[in-house]
Amino acid sequence: MKQDRSDIWQAVSVAATAGMTMVVCIALGLFLGSRADAWLGSSPWCLLIGGLWGGITGLWSIIKQAAGRR
């Protein structure tokens, strides 16, 4: 019984870490994209590219964590 609870909490921890990784990467990409748009006057292109870049880097980070490489 105790092992089952430990496994559940470990799974919750992995899922929460993956979710926070995606949120932080996308938020950072959107922030940097909006700053670049303000500086270059190219709205909304840098914002879109930043969001896409954040999503890709977040997914890449999660894949690396799942593969055991950090």
C-alpha atoms as a PDB file:
ATOM      1  CA  MET A   1       0.000   0.000   0.000  1.00  0.00           C
ATOM      2  CA  LYS A   2       2.775   2.404   0.904  1.00  0.00           C
ATOM      3  CA  GLN A   3       4.595   1.634  -2.372  1.00  0.00           C
ATOM      4  CA  ASP A   4       1.410   2.425  -4.346  1.00  0.00           C
ATOM      5  CA  ARG A   5       1.157   5.861  -2.755  1.00  0.00           C
ATOM      6  CA  SER A   6       4.815   6.520  -3.447  1.00  0.00           C
ATOM      7  CA  ASP A   7       4.340   5.598  -7.105  1.00  0.00           C
ATOM      8  CA  ILE A   8       1.307   7.859  -7.380  1.00  0.00           C
ATOM      9  CA  TRP A   9       3.143  10.819  -5.866  1.00  0.00           C
ATOM     10  CA  GLN A  10       6.119  10.211  -8.126  1.00  0.00           C
ATOM     11  CA  ALA A  11       3.825  10.235 -11.178  1.00  0.00           C
ATOM     12  CA  VAL A  12       2.152  13.445  -9.962  1.00  0.00           C
ATOM     13  CA  SER A  13       5.579  15.008  -9.461  1.00  0.00           C
ATOM     14  CA  VAL A  14       6.723  14.093 -12.978  1.00  0.00           C
ATOM     15  CA  ALA A  15       3.503  15.435 -14.518  1.00  0.00           C
ATOM     16  CA  ALA A  16       3.692  18.678 -12.537  1.00  0.00           C
ATOM     17  CA  THR A  17       7.321  19.181 -13.524  1.00  0.00           C
ATOM     18  CA  ALA A  18       6.519  18.608 -17.193  1.00  0.00           C
ATOM     19  CA  GLY A  19       3.592  21.023 -17.034  1.00  0.00           C
ATOM     20  CA  MET A  20       5.595  23.745 -15.327  1.00  0.00           C
ATOM     21  CA  THR A  21       8.428  23.285 -17.822  1.00  0.00           C
ATOM     22  CA  MET A  22       6.031  23.883 -20.718  1.00  0.00           C
ATOM     23  CA  VAL A  23       4.364  26.875 -19.054  1.00  0.00           C
ATOM     24  CA  VAL A  24       7.674  28.566 -18.207  1.00  0.00           C
ATOM     25  CA  CYS A  25       9.201  27.958 -21.645  1.00  0.00           C
ATOM     26  CA  ILE A  26       6.149  29.237 -23.517  1.00  0.00           C
ATOM     27  CA  ALA A  27       5.761  32.241 -21.195  1.00  0.00           C
ATOM     28  CA  LEU A  28       9.423  33.149 -21.624  1.00  0.00           C
ATOM     29  CA  GLY A  29       9.156  32.807 -25.401  1.00  0.00           C
ATOM     30  CA  LEU A  30       6.045  35.003 -25.488  1.00  0.00           C
ATOM     31  CA  PHE A  31       7.660  37.600 -23.236  1.00  0.00           C
ATOM     32  CA  LEU A  32      10.824  37.783 -25.318  1.00  0.00           C
ATOM     33  CA  GLY A  33       8.757  37.861 -28.509  1.00  0.00           C
ATOM     34  CA  SER A  34       6.642  40.756 -27.253  1.00  0.00           C
ATOM     35  CA  ARG A  35       9.778  42.684 -26.230  1.00  0.00           C
ATOM     36  CA  ALA A  36      11.296  42.043 -29.658  1.00  0.00           C
ATOM     37  CA  ASP A  37       8.064  43.232 -31.327  1.00  0.00           C
ATOM     38  CA  ALA A  38       8.111  46.424 -29.272  1.00  0.00           C
ATOM     39  CA  TRP A  39      11.746  47.032 -30.199  1.00  0.00           C
ATOM     40  CA  LEU A  40      11.439  46.141 -33.894  1.00  0.00           C
ATOM     41  CA  GLY A  41       7.854  47.263 -34.480  1.00  0.00           C
ATOM     42  CA  SER A  42       7.047  43.939 -36.128  1.00  0.00           C
ATOM     43  CA  SER A  43       3.921  42.991 -34.174  1.00  0.00           C
ATOM     44  CA  PRO A  44       2.754  40.131 -33.962  1.00  0.00           C
ATOM     45  CA  TRP A  45       5.474  38.147 -35.755  1.00  0.00           C
ATOM     46  CA  CYS A  46       8.108  37.969 -33.025  1.00  0.00           C
ATOM     47  CA  LEU A  47       5.387  37.120 -30.499  1.00  0.00           C
ATOM     48  CA  LEU A  48       4.231  34.195 -32.635  1.00  0.00           C
ATOM     49  CA  ILE A  49       7.780  33.009 -33.261  1.00  0.00           C
ATOM     50  CA  GLY A  50       8.603  33.360 -29.559  1.00  0.00           C
ATOM     51  CA  GLY A  51       5.563  31.306 -28.541  1.00  0.00           C
ATOM     52  CA  LEU A  52       6.422  28.617 -31.069  1.00  0.00           C
ATOM     53  CA  TRP A  53      10.052  28.611 -29.968  1.00  0.00           C
ATOM     54  CA  GLY A  54       8.965  28.328 -26.321  1.00  0.00           C
ATOM     55  CA  GLY A  55       6.715  25.384 -27.102  1.00  0.00           C
ATOM     56  CA  ILE A  56       9.433  23.576 -29.031  1.00  0.00           C
ATOM     57  CA  THR A  57      12.078  24.128 -26.362  1.00  0.00           C
ATOM     58  CA  GLY A  58       9.660  23.057 -23.624  1.00  0.00           C
ATOM     59  CA  LEU A  59       8.809  19.874 -25.476  1.00  0.00           C
ATOM     60  CA  TRP A  60      12.489  19.199 -26.150  1.00  0.00           C
ATOM     61  CA  SER A  61      13.275  19.662 -22.458  1.00  0.00           C
ATOM     62  CA  ILE A  62      10.525  17.226 -21.445  1.00  0.00           C
ATOM     63  CA  ILE A  63      11.764  14.656 -23.966  1.00  0.00           C
ATOM     64  CA  LYS A  64      15.288  14.960 -22.588  1.00  0.00           C
ATOM     65  CA  GLN A  65      14.014  14.529 -19.017  1.00  0.00           C
ATOM     66  CA  ALA A  66      11.981  11.475 -20.022  1.00  0.00           C
ATOM     67  CA  ALA A  67      15.010   9.942 -21.707  1.00  0.00           C
ATOM     68  CA  GLY A  68      16.985  10.387 -18.491  1.00  0.00           C
ATOM     69  CA  ARG A  69      19.401  12.993 -19.838  1.00  0.00           C
ATOM     70  CA  ARG A  70      19.493  16.314 -18.020  1.00  0.00           C
END
